[in-house]
Amino acid sequence: MCSLSFLEVMATMASSFAIYFNKAAETTDPVERMKYTIVGSLGYFYFEKIFEKPLNPVLGETYEAYG
């Protein structure tokens, strides 16, 4: 189990959208705009490097650190 909830994982993964999409909106070159859009979309997967199952607090799942 991952120590983050699913909502925290989704918010973290979506944090790079605004940066690249704002830059895409500022450029006038359509090729550069497409590059920023692709990078923003692929940047979503960088934060998805959590290979553990995220917690679902609706189901009552809690994180317990085992040491």
N, C-alpha and C. Protein backbone atom coordinates (compact mmCIF):
# COMPACT_ATOMS: atom_id res chain seq x y z
N MET A 1 0.83 -1.18 0.00
CA MET A 1 0.00 0.00 0.00
C MET A 1 0.88 1.25 0.00
N CYS A 2 0.46 2.23 -0.71
CA CYS A 2 1.14 3.52 -0.76
C CYS A 2 0.62 4.38 0.38
N SER A 3 1.44 5.28 0.87
CA SER A 3 1.03 6.11 2.01
C SER A 3 0.14 7.27 1.59
N LEU A 4 -0.07 7.46 0.30
CA LEU A 4 -0.92 8.54 -0.20
C LEU A 4 -2.30 8.01 -0.55
N SER A 5 -3.30 8.87 -0.41
CA SER A 5 -4.62 8.48 -0.87
C SER A 5 -4.72 8.68 -2.38
N PHE A 6 -5.75 8.14 -2.96
CA PHE A 6 -5.93 8.26 -4.40
C PHE A 6 -6.11 9.71 -4.82
N LEU A 7 -6.80 10.51 -4.00
CA LEU A 7 -6.99 11.92 -4.32
C LEU A 7 -5.67 12.69 -4.29
N GLU A 8 -4.78 12.34 -3.36
CA GLU A 8 -3.47 12.99 -3.31
C GLU A 8 -2.63 12.62 -4.52
N VAL A 9 -2.72 11.38 -4.95
CA VAL A 9 -1.96 10.93 -6.13
C VAL A 9 -2.45 11.66 -7.38
N MET A 10 -3.76 11.78 -7.54
CA MET A 10 -4.31 12.46 -8.71
C MET A 10 -3.94 13.95 -8.73
N ALA A 11 -3.98 14.60 -7.57
CA ALA A 11 -3.62 16.02 -7.51
C ALA A 11 -2.15 16.22 -7.84
N THR A 12 -1.30 15.33 -7.37
CA THR A 12 0.13 15.43 -7.66
C THR A 12 0.41 15.21 -9.14
N MET A 13 -0.28 14.25 -9.74
CA MET A 13 -0.04 13.97 -11.15
C MET A 13 -0.54 15.09 -12.05
N ALA A 14 -1.58 15.77 -11.65
CA ALA A 14 -2.14 16.84 -12.48
C ALA A 14 -1.46 18.18 -12.25
N SER A 15 -0.45 18.24 -11.39
CA SER A 15 0.17 19.53 -11.07
C SER A 15 1.00 20.10 -12.23
N SER A 16 1.44 19.27 -13.16
CA SER A 16 2.25 19.78 -14.26
C SER A 16 1.41 20.27 -15.43
N PHE A 17 0.12 20.01 -15.43
CA PHE A 17 -0.73 20.43 -16.54
C PHE A 17 -0.69 21.94 -16.76
N ALA A 18 -0.87 22.68 -15.69
CA ALA A 18 -1.00 24.14 -15.81
C ALA A 18 0.26 24.78 -16.38
N ILE A 19 1.41 24.29 -16.02
CA ILE A 19 2.67 24.88 -16.47
C ILE A 19 2.79 24.79 -17.99
N TYR A 20 2.64 23.59 -18.52
CA TYR A 20 2.84 23.40 -19.96
C TYR A 20 1.67 23.91 -20.79
N PHE A 21 0.47 23.80 -20.28
CA PHE A 21 -0.68 24.28 -21.05
C PHE A 21 -0.72 25.80 -21.08
N ASN A 22 -0.25 26.47 -20.05
CA ASN A 22 -0.15 27.93 -20.09
C ASN A 22 0.90 28.37 -21.10
N LYS A 23 2.03 27.65 -21.15
CA LYS A 23 3.05 27.98 -22.15
C LYS A 23 2.52 27.72 -23.56
N ALA A 24 1.73 26.66 -23.73
CA ALA A 24 1.16 26.37 -25.04
C ALA A 24 0.19 27.46 -25.46
N ALA A 25 -0.53 28.02 -24.52
CA ALA A 25 -1.49 29.09 -24.85
C ALA A 25 -0.77 30.38 -25.23
N GLU A 26 0.44 30.58 -24.73
CA GLU A 26 1.18 31.82 -25.00
C GLU A 26 1.90 31.79 -26.35
N THR A 27 2.23 30.62 -26.86
CA THR A 27 2.98 30.54 -28.12
C THR A 27 2.06 30.68 -29.32
N THR A 28 2.61 31.21 -30.39
CA THR A 28 1.83 31.38 -31.62
C THR A 28 2.16 30.31 -32.66
N ASP A 29 3.30 29.65 -32.50
CA ASP A 29 3.70 28.61 -33.45
C ASP A 29 2.92 27.32 -33.15
N PRO A 30 2.18 26.80 -34.12
CA PRO A 30 1.38 25.60 -33.85
C PRO A 30 2.20 24.36 -33.50
N VAL A 31 3.41 24.25 -34.05
CA VAL A 31 4.26 23.09 -33.75
C VAL A 31 4.73 23.16 -32.30
N GLU A 32 5.16 24.33 -31.86
CA GLU A 32 5.58 24.50 -30.47
C GLU A 32 4.39 24.27 -29.53
N ARG A 33 3.22 24.74 -29.92
CA ARG A 33 2.03 24.53 -29.10
C ARG A 33 1.75 23.04 -28.95
N MET A 34 1.90 22.28 -30.04
CA MET A 34 1.69 20.84 -29.97
C MET A 34 2.74 20.18 -29.08
N LYS A 35 3.98 20.65 -29.15
CA LYS A 35 5.04 20.09 -28.31
C LYS A 35 4.73 20.31 -26.83
N TYR A 36 4.31 21.52 -26.47
CA TYR A 36 3.98 21.80 -25.07
C TYR A 36 2.79 20.95 -24.61
N THR A 37 1.82 20.75 -25.48
CA THR A 37 0.66 19.95 -25.12
C THR A 37 1.05 18.49 -24.91
N ILE A 38 1.91 17.97 -25.77
CA ILE A 38 2.36 16.58 -25.63
C ILE A 38 3.18 16.41 -24.37
N VAL A 39 4.09 17.35 -24.12
CA VAL A 39 4.92 17.26 -22.91
C VAL A 39 4.06 17.36 -21.66
N GLY A 40 3.06 18.23 -21.67
CA GLY A 40 2.16 18.34 -20.53
C GLY A 40 1.38 17.06 -20.31
N SER A 41 0.97 16.43 -21.38
CA SER A 41 0.22 15.17 -21.25
C SER A 41 1.11 14.02 -20.80
N LEU A 42 2.35 13.98 -21.31
CA LEU A 42 3.26 12.92 -20.90
C LEU A 42 3.86 13.17 -19.51
N GLY A 43 3.92 14.44 -19.11
CA GLY A 43 4.38 14.75 -17.77
C GLY A 43 3.47 14.18 -16.70
N TYR A 44 2.26 13.89 -17.07
CA TYR A 44 1.29 13.27 -16.17
C TYR A 44 1.78 11.92 -15.70
N PHE A 45 2.47 11.19 -16.56
CA PHE A 45 2.92 9.85 -16.22
C PHE A 45 4.16 9.84 -15.34
N TYR A 46 4.90 10.95 -15.28
CA TYR A 46 6.10 11.00 -14.44
C TYR A 46 5.74 10.80 -12.98
N PHE A 47 4.66 11.42 -12.54
CA PHE A 47 4.26 11.31 -11.14
C PHE A 47 3.53 10.00 -10.86
N GLU A 48 3.25 9.25 -11.89
CA GLU A 48 2.54 8.00 -11.71
C GLU A 48 3.50 6.84 -11.41
N LYS A 49 4.72 7.15 -11.00
CA LYS A 49 5.70 6.12 -10.70
C LYS A 49 5.47 5.52 -9.32
N ILE A 50 4.24 5.51 -8.89
CA ILE A 50 3.89 4.87 -7.63
C ILE A 50 3.41 3.47 -8.00
N PHE A 51 4.23 2.48 -7.70
CA PHE A 51 3.91 1.13 -8.10
C PHE A 51 3.08 0.40 -7.05
N GLU A 52 2.77 1.11 -5.98
CA GLU A 52 1.94 0.53 -4.94
C GLU A 52 0.51 1.00 -5.11
N LYS A 53 -0.41 0.29 -4.56
CA LYS A 53 -1.81 0.66 -4.65
C LYS A 53 -2.07 1.85 -3.73
N PRO A 54 -2.67 2.94 -4.24
CA PRO A 54 -2.98 4.08 -3.37
C PRO A 54 -4.13 3.74 -2.43
N LEU A 55 -4.17 4.41 -1.31
CA LEU A 55 -5.21 4.17 -0.32
C LEU A 55 -6.55 4.67 -0.82
N ASN A 56 -7.60 4.03 -0.39
CA ASN A 56 -8.96 4.46 -0.69
C ASN A 56 -9.66 4.71 0.65
N PRO A 57 -9.66 5.98 1.11
CA PRO A 57 -10.23 6.26 2.43
C PRO A 57 -11.74 6.01 2.50
N VAL A 58 -12.42 5.98 1.36
CA VAL A 58 -13.85 5.70 1.36
C VAL A 58 -14.10 4.27 1.85
N LEU A 59 -13.18 3.37 1.53
CA LEU A 59 -13.30 1.98 1.98
C LEU A 59 -12.74 1.78 3.38
N GLY A 60 -12.19 2.84 3.97
CA GLY A 60 -11.65 2.74 5.33
C GLY A 60 -10.23 2.24 5.38
N GLU A 61 -9.52 2.28 4.28
CA GLU A 61 -8.13 1.83 4.26
C GLU A 61 -7.24 2.86 4.93
N THR A 62 -6.34 2.41 5.76
CA THR A 62 -5.39 3.29 6.44
C THR A 62 -3.98 2.79 6.20
N TYR A 63 -3.02 3.68 6.37
CA TYR A 63 -1.62 3.34 6.15
C TYR A 63 -0.98 2.99 7.48
N GLU A 64 -0.34 1.85 7.55
CA GLU A 64 0.40 1.46 8.74
C GLU A 64 1.83 1.15 8.32
N ALA A 65 2.77 1.88 8.86
CA ALA A 65 4.18 1.67 8.52
C ALA A 65 4.71 0.47 9.32
N TYR A 66 5.26 -0.45 8.59
CA TYR A 66 5.86 -1.62 9.23
C TYR A 66 7.36 -1.42 9.28
N GLY A 67 7.95 -1.63 10.40
CA GLY A 67 9.36 -1.37 10.50
C GLY A 67 10.09 -2.50 10.96
